[in-house]
Amino acid sequence: MSFIKICTLALVTASSLAACSSYNQTDLSNKTSVSQITDGNSFMNTIKPSSAQAIIGQVTGITSQDRTQQKVTIVAQDGNSYIASISKSDFDQQNTYQMQKLVIGDYVEVMGEQSQLDDELQLTVRAMPYVLRKIIIADHQVDCVGVAPQSCWLTKPAGLTADSQANWEYRYSGIEGFDYEPNYEYTLLIKNTAIDRPPADASSIQSTLIQVLEKKRTKP
């Protein structure tokens, strides 16, 4: 069995990729087009691995999922499909914060052990520090209660249908680099990064804006 790492931080050309942990938001905005992001295959081919051993993958299916474990299908750039089992029990105790709940369409960075069973490639995930995701933000905020009463955005993954009102979720934390205006509906590409040992009652995920894909006015 060999360790593999899937890196989704890099959306720039190989010449500008110094390491998986670094990127420039301006460069990403200039070099990643909306058409690339809409076309999953084209977009995945623009993501450059950090090393020859790295594999880029996209979540294409969810088999099961709860607070402690999830099983998803990840398709790599070479077309290979992996059944990825992600469980907190497989993570180092100090790194359990890295486990993030995935949705279809996510581009993921993972480290794990690869095996094969019944002609299927299996991946036991040991770490998942980064997730690249498209989300929709509603044109209004709502009252909610986190640590204290506050106003929350309503968000949902961009892959869901526009009329799926039941899929809206409260978002209690902000998105670094994103300036929200009411009466506009946004489609964003964001990077979710796991926070090492987050404070009590705080989110274990930090979200950073990669690109505003669409800003649509909904009210005059």
Protein backbone atom coordinates (compact mmCIF):
# COMPACT_ATOMS: atom_id res chain seq x y z
CA MET A 1 0.00 0.00 0.00
CA SER A 2 1.25 3.49 -0.80
CA PHE A 3 0.37 6.90 0.51
CA ILE A 4 -1.25 9.35 -1.92
CA LYS A 5 -2.07 12.98 -1.56
CA ILE A 6 -4.75 14.84 -3.48
CA CYS A 7 -4.10 18.55 -3.72
CA THR A 8 -6.82 21.04 -4.64
CA LEU A 9 -5.13 24.24 -3.56
CA ALA A 10 -3.39 24.77 -6.90
CA LEU A 11 -5.52 26.30 -9.62
CA VAL A 12 -2.67 28.10 -11.36
CA THR A 13 -0.16 26.87 -13.90
CA ALA A 14 2.57 24.43 -12.93
CA SER A 15 5.25 27.09 -13.25
CA SER A 16 3.60 29.22 -10.57
CA LEU A 17 2.98 26.35 -8.18
CA ALA A 18 5.63 26.51 -5.50
CA ALA A 19 3.89 24.29 -2.95
CA CYS A 20 0.47 22.84 -2.20
CA SER A 21 0.03 25.14 0.79
CA SER A 22 0.50 28.44 -1.09
CA TYR A 23 -1.59 30.26 -3.65
CA ASN A 24 -2.40 33.79 -4.80
CA GLN A 25 -6.05 34.77 -4.88
CA THR A 26 -5.57 37.37 -7.62
CA ASP A 27 -3.82 34.87 -9.87
CA LEU A 28 -6.59 32.35 -9.29
CA SER A 29 -9.25 34.86 -10.29
CA ASN A 30 -7.36 35.77 -13.45
CA LYS A 31 -6.54 32.23 -14.57
CA THR A 32 -9.68 30.27 -13.66
CA SER A 33 -12.66 30.91 -15.91
CA VAL A 34 -16.31 30.26 -15.14
CA SER A 35 -16.47 27.82 -18.07
CA GLN A 36 -13.63 25.78 -16.59
CA ILE A 37 -15.42 25.53 -13.28
CA THR A 38 -18.75 24.65 -14.93
CA ASP A 39 -17.09 21.90 -16.97
CA GLY A 40 -15.81 19.52 -14.30
CA ASN A 41 -13.37 17.67 -16.56
CA SER A 42 -11.78 20.85 -17.92
CA PHE A 43 -11.52 22.37 -14.48
CA MET A 44 -9.97 19.29 -12.91
CA ASN A 45 -7.30 19.26 -15.61
CA THR A 46 -6.28 22.81 -14.64
CA ILE A 47 -5.46 21.71 -11.08
CA LYS A 48 -1.79 20.82 -10.89
CA PRO A 49 -0.46 18.22 -8.42
CA SER A 50 2.20 19.25 -5.94
CA SER A 51 4.36 16.20 -6.73
CA ALA A 52 4.55 13.25 -9.10
CA GLN A 53 2.78 11.11 -6.48
CA ALA A 54 -0.16 13.48 -6.03
CA ILE A 55 -3.56 12.57 -7.46
CA ILE A 56 -6.30 15.14 -8.11
CA GLY A 57 -9.85 13.98 -7.46
CA GLN A 58 -13.47 15.08 -7.50
CA VAL A 59 -16.32 13.68 -5.39
CA THR A 60 -18.91 12.17 -7.73
CA GLY A 61 -21.02 10.12 -5.32
CA ILE A 62 -21.99 9.81 -1.65
CA THR A 63 -22.67 6.27 -0.41
CA SER A 64 -23.04 6.97 3.30
CA GLN A 65 -22.29 9.82 5.65
CA ASP A 66 -22.63 10.78 9.31
CA ARG A 67 -20.69 12.66 11.99
CA THR A 68 -17.99 10.02 12.39
CA GLN A 69 -17.62 8.40 8.98
CA GLN A 70 -18.44 8.76 5.31
CA LYS A 71 -17.97 6.75 2.15
CA VAL A 72 -17.71 8.60 -1.16
CA THR A 73 -16.63 8.04 -4.75
CA ILE A 74 -13.64 10.08 -5.93
CA VAL A 75 -12.69 10.21 -9.61
CA ALA A 76 -9.07 11.09 -10.38
CA GLN A 77 -7.65 12.99 -13.36
CA ASP A 78 -6.67 9.74 -15.08
CA GLY A 79 -10.27 8.52 -14.91
CA ASN A 80 -9.71 5.99 -12.13
CA SER A 81 -12.56 5.80 -9.63
CA TYR A 82 -11.83 5.29 -5.91
CA ILE A 83 -14.20 4.26 -3.15
CA ALA A 84 -12.94 6.50 -0.35
CA SER A 85 -13.71 5.57 3.25
CA ILE A 86 -13.25 8.49 5.62
CA SER A 87 -13.57 7.86 9.35
CA LYS A 88 -12.50 9.80 12.42
CA SER A 89 -11.15 6.55 13.82
CA ASP A 90 -8.66 6.46 10.91
CA PHE A 91 -7.36 9.96 11.63
CA ASP A 92 -4.64 10.68 14.11
CA GLN A 93 -6.37 11.86 17.28
CA GLN A 94 -4.73 15.27 17.05
CA ASN A 95 -5.89 15.68 13.44
CA THR A 96 -9.54 14.66 13.65
CA TYR A 97 -10.49 18.29 12.98
CA GLN A 98 -9.35 17.69 9.37
CA MET A 99 -12.38 15.52 8.56
CA GLN A 100 -14.86 17.58 6.54
CA LYS A 101 -18.32 16.59 5.35
CA LEU A 102 -18.15 16.26 1.57
CA VAL A 103 -20.76 16.96 -1.11
CA ILE A 104 -20.92 15.89 -4.74
CA GLY A 105 -18.77 18.18 -6.88
CA ASP A 106 -16.10 18.88 -4.25
CA TYR A 107 -12.44 18.78 -5.25
CA VAL A 108 -10.50 17.28 -2.38
CA GLU A 109 -7.01 16.94 -0.97
CA VAL A 110 -6.57 13.72 1.00
CA MET A 111 -3.85 11.43 2.24
CA GLY A 112 -4.61 7.74 2.56
CA GLU A 113 -3.83 4.13 1.85
CA GLN A 114 -4.72 2.61 -1.50
CA SER A 115 -5.82 -1.00 -2.04
CA GLN A 116 -7.94 -3.00 -4.45
CA LEU A 117 -10.93 -5.22 -3.67
CA ASP A 118 -13.18 -6.96 -6.24
CA ASP A 119 -11.72 -4.86 -9.08
CA GLU A 120 -12.53 -1.64 -7.20
CA LEU A 121 -9.86 0.80 -6.04
CA GLN A 122 -10.23 1.46 -2.33
CA LEU A 123 -8.89 4.49 -0.47
CA THR A 124 -8.76 4.66 3.32
CA VAL A 125 -8.44 8.36 4.08
CA ARG A 126 -6.07 9.47 6.84
CA ALA A 127 -6.23 13.24 6.38
CA MET A 128 -8.39 15.70 4.45
CA PRO A 129 -7.15 19.23 5.13
CA TYR A 130 -8.55 21.02 2.05
CA VAL A 131 -11.84 20.99 0.17
CA LEU A 132 -12.65 23.16 -2.86
CA ARG A 133 -16.38 23.81 -3.21
CA LYS A 134 -18.95 25.82 -5.17
CA ILE A 135 -21.74 27.31 -3.05
CA ILE A 136 -24.76 29.60 -3.48
CA ILE A 137 -25.47 32.39 -0.99
CA ALA A 138 -29.05 33.67 -0.78
CA ASP A 139 -29.96 37.31 -1.33
CA HIS A 140 -30.95 37.91 2.30
CA GLN A 141 -29.82 37.09 5.81
CA VAL A 142 -31.85 35.53 8.62
CA ASP A 143 -31.79 35.75 12.40
CA CYS A 144 -30.03 32.82 14.02
CA VAL A 145 -28.39 31.84 17.29
CA GLY A 146 -24.80 30.64 17.46
CA VAL A 147 -22.76 31.52 20.52
CA ALA A 148 -25.11 34.53 20.68
CA PRO A 149 -27.97 35.89 18.52
CA GLN A 150 -26.69 36.99 15.13
CA SER A 151 -27.51 37.22 11.43
CA CYS A 152 -26.66 34.26 9.23
CA TRP A 153 -26.30 33.73 5.50
CA LEU A 154 -28.35 31.02 3.83
CA THR A 155 -26.13 28.78 1.71
CA LYS A 156 -26.25 25.51 -0.23
CA PRO A 157 -23.97 23.61 -2.60
CA ALA A 158 -24.17 25.03 -6.12
CA GLY A 159 -24.95 21.62 -7.62
CA LEU A 160 -28.46 21.60 -6.14
CA THR A 161 -31.45 22.90 -8.08
CA ALA A 162 -32.33 26.55 -7.58
CA ASP A 163 -35.83 25.74 -6.22
CA SER A 164 -34.60 23.31 -3.54
CA GLN A 165 -35.54 25.58 -0.63
CA ALA A 166 -35.27 22.73 1.88
CA ASN A 167 -31.55 22.50 1.16
CA TRP A 168 -30.70 25.97 2.42
CA GLU A 169 -28.54 25.89 5.56
CA TYR A 170 -27.55 28.59 8.06
CA ARG A 171 -23.95 29.71 7.79
CA TYR A 172 -22.67 31.04 11.10
CA SER A 173 -19.11 31.93 10.01
CA GLY A 174 -17.90 34.28 7.28
CA ILE A 175 -15.79 33.72 4.17
CA GLU A 176 -12.40 35.41 4.11
CA GLY A 177 -12.11 37.87 1.21
CA PHE A 178 -15.86 37.94 0.45
CA ASP A 179 -17.91 41.16 0.74
CA TYR A 180 -21.62 40.41 0.94
CA GLU A 181 -24.32 42.76 -0.39
CA PRO A 182 -28.01 42.06 0.30
CA ASN A 183 -30.42 41.68 -2.63
CA TYR A 184 -27.82 39.73 -4.61
CA GLU A 185 -27.56 35.98 -4.96
CA TYR A 186 -23.98 34.76 -5.23
CA THR A 187 -22.31 31.66 -6.62
CA LEU A 188 -18.83 31.31 -5.12
CA LEU A 189 -15.85 29.04 -5.41
CA ILE A 190 -14.37 28.70 -1.92
CA LYS A 191 -11.59 26.77 -0.23
CA ASN A 192 -12.42 25.14 3.09
CA THR A 193 -9.33 24.64 5.25
CA ALA A 194 -9.31 22.70 8.51
CA ILE A 195 -8.29 24.74 11.56
CA ASP A 196 -5.78 23.17 13.90
CA ARG A 197 -7.34 22.96 17.39
CA PRO A 198 -10.15 25.50 16.93
CA PRO A 199 -11.45 27.43 19.97
CA ALA A 200 -14.49 26.09 21.79
CA ASP A 201 -17.80 27.00 20.11
CA ALA A 202 -15.94 28.09 16.95
CA SER A 203 -15.97 26.54 13.50
CA SER A 204 -13.28 23.95 12.76
CA ILE A 205 -13.24 25.08 9.11
CA GLN A 206 -11.92 28.35 7.68
CA SER A 207 -13.42 29.36 4.33
CA THR A 208 -11.53 31.54 1.85
CA LEU A 209 -12.94 33.07 -1.32
CA ILE A 210 -11.26 31.82 -4.49
CA GLN A 211 -13.60 33.42 -7.04
CA VAL A 212 -17.05 35.01 -7.37
CA LEU A 213 -18.55 32.96 -10.20
CA GLU A 214 -21.84 34.85 -10.38
CA LYS A 215 -23.45 37.85 -8.68
CA LYS A 216 -27.12 38.17 -9.62
CA ARG A 217 -29.43 40.96 -8.43
CA THR A 218 -32.76 39.59 -7.27
CA LYS A 219 -34.49 42.73 -5.98
CA PRO A 220 -34.63 46.28 -7.38
